[in-house]
Amino acid sequence: MKSSLMTIGEVADRFHMPAHVLRHWESVGLLSPARVTGGRRCYTRDDLFRVASILRAKQAGMPLPDIRAFLLARDPAARKDLLRRNHDAVQARMAALRAASALLEAGLNCSHEDITTCPNYRLHLTELVDHHGQAPVTQEPEASERPADLG
């Protein structure tokens, strides 16, 4: 294989993932590496950028069908709409994480014997209490959308 082409194992190693994840992504239409003699996959630099795009989108919480739609979108308006929806979901998760972090900091800074009675700690929980215990809903990929740990 030429030095500019990589095997599935080399790509998997480069991105610290199992090769079966790359095969799965290919099976759902996210990747389409070229084939060489014997049907072996060979990945180009463009394929590496595509893998990186998929990984980053997964980190953003995008489900595989949305990632596929994003990567295959020919209509810029449709692509931007899809990205906007996912961006809004990321922003909501970030807000929830900031609130969770603030709660943890309040707990770390609390000197009360019983943290559940601390007014400062309770202040961080007021939104949940006032909304009948329902935290904002975040978009999580369903288990069926991801094999193993990265799919």
C-alpha atoms as a PDB file:
ATOM      1  CA  MET A   1       0.000   0.000   0.000  1.00  0.00           C
ATOM      2  CA  LYS A   2       1.270   3.500  -0.774  1.00  0.00           C
ATOM      3  CA  SER A   3       2.319   5.599   2.202  1.00  0.00           C
ATOM      4  CA  SER A   4      -0.563   8.038   1.565  1.00  0.00           C
ATOM      5  CA  LEU A   5      -3.097   5.204   1.908  1.00  0.00           C
ATOM      6  CA  MET A   6      -3.946   3.562   5.210  1.00  0.00           C
ATOM      7  CA  THR A   7      -5.459   0.236   6.209  1.00  0.00           C
ATOM      8  CA  ILE A   8      -8.477  -0.023   8.473  1.00  0.00           C
ATOM      9  CA  GLY A   9      -6.177  -1.052  11.324  1.00  0.00           C
ATOM     10  CA  GLU A  10      -3.969   1.983  10.837  1.00  0.00           C
ATOM     11  CA  VAL A  11      -6.983   4.308  10.804  1.00  0.00           C
ATOM     12  CA  ALA A  12      -8.439   2.631  13.873  1.00  0.00           C
ATOM     13  CA  ASP A  13      -5.116   3.022  15.695  1.00  0.00           C
ATOM     14  CA  ARG A  14      -4.768   6.644  14.624  1.00  0.00           C
ATOM     15  CA  PHE A  15      -8.169   7.513  16.095  1.00  0.00           C
ATOM     16  CA  HIS A  16      -7.897   5.164  19.099  1.00  0.00           C
ATOM     17  CA  MET A  17     -10.941   3.117  18.207  1.00  0.00           C
ATOM     18  CA  PRO A  18     -11.732  -0.477  17.346  1.00  0.00           C
ATOM     19  CA  ALA A  19     -11.815  -1.307  13.631  1.00  0.00           C
ATOM     20  CA  HIS A  20     -15.359  -2.677  13.936  1.00  0.00           C
ATOM     21  CA  VAL A  21     -16.590   0.888  14.514  1.00  0.00           C
ATOM     22  CA  LEU A  22     -15.202   1.938  11.124  1.00  0.00           C
ATOM     23  CA  ARG A  23     -16.866  -1.096   9.543  1.00  0.00           C
ATOM     24  CA  HIS A  24     -20.164  -0.174  11.191  1.00  0.00           C
ATOM     25  CA  TRP A  25     -19.910   3.412   9.999  1.00  0.00           C
ATOM     26  CA  GLU A  26     -19.320   2.082   6.502  1.00  0.00           C
ATOM     27  CA  SER A  27     -22.362  -0.213   6.782  1.00  0.00           C
ATOM     28  CA  VAL A  28     -24.630   2.725   7.692  1.00  0.00           C
ATOM     29  CA  GLY A  29     -23.313   4.929   4.886  1.00  0.00           C
ATOM     30  CA  LEU A  30     -21.005   7.250   6.810  1.00  0.00           C
ATOM     31  CA  LEU A  31     -17.794   6.033   5.168  1.00  0.00           C
ATOM     32  CA  SER A  32     -16.958   4.574   1.785  1.00  0.00           C
ATOM     33  CA  PRO A  33     -13.255   3.779   1.619  1.00  0.00           C
ATOM     34  CA  ALA A  34     -11.804   2.519  -1.651  1.00  0.00           C
ATOM     35  CA  ARG A  35     -11.008  -1.158  -2.015  1.00  0.00           C
ATOM     36  CA  VAL A  36      -7.743  -2.629  -3.189  1.00  0.00           C
ATOM     37  CA  THR A  37      -6.767  -6.140  -4.264  1.00  0.00           C
ATOM     38  CA  GLY A  38      -8.540  -8.717  -2.168  1.00  0.00           C
ATOM     39  CA  GLY A  39     -11.282  -6.297  -1.158  1.00  0.00           C
ATOM     40  CA  ARG A  40      -9.186  -4.667   1.552  1.00  0.00           C
ATOM     41  CA  ARG A  41     -10.241  -1.185   2.541  1.00  0.00           C
ATOM     42  CA  CYS A  42      -7.810   1.634   1.887  1.00  0.00           C
ATOM     43  CA  TYR A  43      -8.322   5.035   3.454  1.00  0.00           C
ATOM     44  CA  THR A  44      -7.145   8.338   1.992  1.00  0.00           C
ATOM     45  CA  ARG A  45      -6.487  11.627   3.753  1.00  0.00           C
ATOM     46  CA  ASP A  46     -10.019  12.706   2.769  1.00  0.00           C
ATOM     47  CA  ASP A  47     -11.343   9.597   4.537  1.00  0.00           C
ATOM     48  CA  LEU A  48      -9.398  10.619   7.656  1.00  0.00           C
ATOM     49  CA  PHE A  49     -11.099  14.008   7.614  1.00  0.00           C
ATOM     50  CA  ARG A  50     -14.445  12.253   7.293  1.00  0.00           C
ATOM     51  CA  VAL A  51     -13.649  10.008  10.282  1.00  0.00           C
ATOM     52  CA  ALA A  52     -12.617  13.109  12.256  1.00  0.00           C
ATOM     53  CA  SER A  53     -15.906  14.801  11.280  1.00  0.00           C
ATOM     54  CA  ILE A  54     -17.884  11.790  12.482  1.00  0.00           C
ATOM     55  CA  LEU A  55     -15.967  11.660  15.757  1.00  0.00           C
ATOM     56  CA  ARG A  56     -16.461  15.344  16.440  1.00  0.00           C
ATOM     57  CA  ALA A  57     -20.166  15.112  15.603  1.00  0.00           C
ATOM     58  CA  LYS A  58     -20.465  12.104  17.952  1.00  0.00           C
ATOM     59  CA  GLN A  59     -18.760  14.159  20.675  1.00  0.00           C
ATOM     60  CA  ALA A  60     -21.410  16.806  20.080  1.00  0.00           C
ATOM     61  CA  GLY A  61     -24.051  14.160  20.718  1.00  0.00           C
ATOM     62  CA  MET A  62     -25.322  13.880  17.166  1.00  0.00           C
ATOM     63  CA  PRO A  63     -26.979  10.541  16.394  1.00  0.00           C
ATOM     64  CA  LEU A  64     -25.606   8.583  13.433  1.00  0.00           C
ATOM     65  CA  PRO A  65     -28.629   9.308  11.175  1.00  0.00           C
ATOM     66  CA  ASP A  66     -28.083  13.067  11.682  1.00  0.00           C
ATOM     67  CA  ILE A  67     -24.362  12.716  11.009  1.00  0.00           C
ATOM     68  CA  ARG A  68     -25.117  10.842   7.808  1.00  0.00           C
ATOM     69  CA  ALA A  69     -27.660  13.479   6.735  1.00  0.00           C
ATOM     70  CA  PHE A  70     -25.150  16.236   7.517  1.00  0.00           C
ATOM     71  CA  LEU A  71     -22.333  14.594   5.561  1.00  0.00           C
ATOM     72  CA  LEU A  72     -24.524  13.776   2.570  1.00  0.00           C
ATOM     73  CA  ALA A  73     -26.571  17.003   2.481  1.00  0.00           C
ATOM     74  CA  ARG A  74     -26.450  18.760  -0.859  1.00  0.00           C
ATOM     75  CA  ASP A  75     -28.856  21.531   0.185  1.00  0.00           C
ATOM     76  CA  PRO A  76     -27.031  24.099   2.353  1.00  0.00           C
ATOM     77  CA  ALA A  77     -30.287  25.232   3.995  1.00  0.00           C
ATOM     78  CA  ALA A  78     -31.199  21.677   5.036  1.00  0.00           C
ATOM     79  CA  ARG A  79     -27.671  21.092   6.339  1.00  0.00           C
ATOM     80  CA  LYS A  80     -27.757  24.310   8.353  1.00  0.00           C
ATOM     81  CA  ASP A  81     -31.175  23.430   9.781  1.00  0.00           C
ATOM     82  CA  LEU A  82     -29.863  20.049  10.924  1.00  0.00           C
ATOM     83  CA  LEU A  83     -26.749  21.652  12.417  1.00  0.00           C
ATOM     84  CA  ARG A  84     -28.842  24.333  14.122  1.00  0.00           C
ATOM     85  CA  ARG A  85     -31.027  21.703  15.817  1.00  0.00           C
ATOM     86  CA  ASN A  86     -27.991  19.808  17.030  1.00  0.00           C
ATOM     87  CA  HIS A  87     -26.255  23.014  18.101  1.00  0.00           C
ATOM     88  CA  ASP A  88     -29.293  23.928  20.207  1.00  0.00           C
ATOM     89  CA  ALA A  89     -29.160  20.484  21.853  1.00  0.00           C
ATOM     90  CA  VAL A  90     -25.431  20.933  22.603  1.00  0.00           C
ATOM     91  CA  GLN A  91     -26.094  24.355  24.104  1.00  0.00           C
ATOM     92  CA  ALA A  92     -28.819  22.865  26.336  1.00  0.00           C
ATOM     93  CA  ARG A  93     -26.477  20.094  27.499  1.00  0.00           C
ATOM     94  CA  MET A  94     -23.738  22.657  28.175  1.00  0.00           C
ATOM     95  CA  ALA A  95     -26.156  24.717  30.287  1.00  0.00           C
ATOM     96  CA  ALA A  96     -27.109  21.594  32.233  1.00  0.00           C
ATOM     97  CA  LEU A  97     -23.425  20.766  32.762  1.00  0.00           C
ATOM     98  CA  ARG A  98     -22.709  24.311  33.964  1.00  0.00           C
ATOM     99  CA  ALA A  99     -25.582  24.005  36.458  1.00  0.00           C
ATOM    100  CA  ALA A 100     -24.302  20.601  37.603  1.00  0.00           C
ATOM    101  CA  SER A 101     -20.784  21.996  37.989  1.00  0.00           C
ATOM    102  CA  ALA A 102     -22.098  24.914  40.040  1.00  0.00           C
ATOM    103  CA  LEU A 103     -23.937  22.455  42.296  1.00  0.00           C
ATOM    104  CA  LEU A 104     -20.753  20.432  42.810  1.00  0.00           C
ATOM    105  CA  GLU A 105     -18.796  23.596  43.606  1.00  0.00           C
ATOM    106  CA  ALA A 106     -21.469  24.629  46.105  1.00  0.00           C
ATOM    107  CA  GLY A 107     -21.154  21.209  47.722  1.00  0.00           C
ATOM    108  CA  LEU A 108     -17.369  21.466  47.857  1.00  0.00           C
ATOM    109  CA  ASN A 109     -17.575  24.920  49.444  1.00  0.00           C
ATOM    110  CA  CYS A 110     -20.287  23.983  51.930  1.00  0.00           C
ATOM    111  CA  SER A 111     -19.376  23.797  55.603  1.00  0.00           C
ATOM    112  CA  HIS A 112     -22.800  22.586  56.804  1.00  0.00           C
ATOM    113  CA  GLU A 113     -22.975  19.265  58.617  1.00  0.00           C
ATOM    114  CA  ASP A 114     -25.972  18.296  56.451  1.00  0.00           C
ATOM    115  CA  ILE A 115     -25.460  19.618  52.929  1.00  0.00           C
ATOM    116  CA  THR A 116     -29.121  19.117  52.056  1.00  0.00           C
ATOM    117  CA  THR A 117     -30.054  21.916  54.477  1.00  0.00           C
ATOM    118  CA  CYS A 118     -27.458  24.405  53.215  1.00  0.00           C
ATOM    119  CA  PRO A 119     -29.204  27.474  51.726  1.00  0.00           C
ATOM    120  CA  ASN A 120     -26.456  28.017  49.134  1.00  0.00           C
ATOM    121  CA  TYR A 121     -26.584  24.381  48.024  1.00  0.00           C
ATOM    122  CA  ARG A 122     -30.395  24.481  47.857  1.00  0.00           C
ATOM    123  CA  LEU A 123     -30.258  27.637  45.750  1.00  0.00           C
ATOM    124  CA  HIS A 124     -28.636  25.567  42.997  1.00  0.00           C
ATOM    125  CA  LEU A 125     -31.525  23.095  43.136  1.00  0.00           C
ATOM    126  CA  THR A 126     -34.369  25.634  43.092  1.00  0.00           C
ATOM    127  CA  GLU A 127     -34.985  25.333  39.355  1.00  0.00           C
ATOM    128  CA  LEU A 128     -35.449  21.578  39.603  1.00  0.00           C
ATOM    129  CA  VAL A 129     -37.685  21.888  42.660  1.00  0.00           C
ATOM    130  CA  ASP A 130     -39.811  24.625  41.092  1.00  0.00           C
ATOM    131  CA  HIS A 131     -40.222  22.650  37.870  1.00  0.00           C
ATOM    132  CA  HIS A 132     -41.535  19.602  39.712  1.00  0.00           C
ATOM    133  CA  GLY A 133     -38.255  17.734  39.596  1.00  0.00           C
ATOM    134  CA  GLN A 134     -37.919  17.712  35.820  1.00  0.00           C
ATOM    135  CA  ALA A 135     -34.543  18.736  34.520  1.00  0.00           C
ATOM    136  CA  PRO A 136     -34.293  20.037  30.955  1.00  0.00           C
ATOM    137  CA  VAL A 137     -34.385  17.195  28.463  1.00  0.00           C
ATOM    138  CA  THR A 138     -31.122  16.522  26.621  1.00  0.00           C
ATOM    139  CA  GLN A 139     -30.716  14.620  23.368  1.00  0.00           C
ATOM    140  CA  GLU A 140     -28.846  11.364  23.891  1.00  0.00           C
ATOM    141  CA  PRO A 141     -28.123   8.940  21.061  1.00  0.00           C
ATOM    142  CA  GLU A 142     -30.062   5.727  21.432  1.00  0.00           C
ATOM    143  CA  ALA A 143     -28.150   2.541  22.119  1.00  0.00           C
ATOM    144  CA  SER A 144     -29.269   1.123  18.783  1.00  0.00           C
ATOM    145  CA  GLU A 145     -27.406   3.938  17.011  1.00  0.00           C
ATOM    146  CA  ARG A 146     -23.973   3.060  18.375  1.00  0.00           C
ATOM    147  CA  PRO A 147     -22.124  -0.228  18.589  1.00  0.00           C
ATOM    148  CA  ALA A 148     -19.758  -0.737  21.468  1.00  0.00           C
ATOM    149  CA  ASP A 149     -18.237   2.506  22.662  1.00  0.00           C
ATOM    150  CA  LEU A 150     -17.971   4.851  19.662  1.00  0.00           C
ATOM    151  CA  GLY A 151     -20.577   3.822  17.150  1.00  0.00           C
END
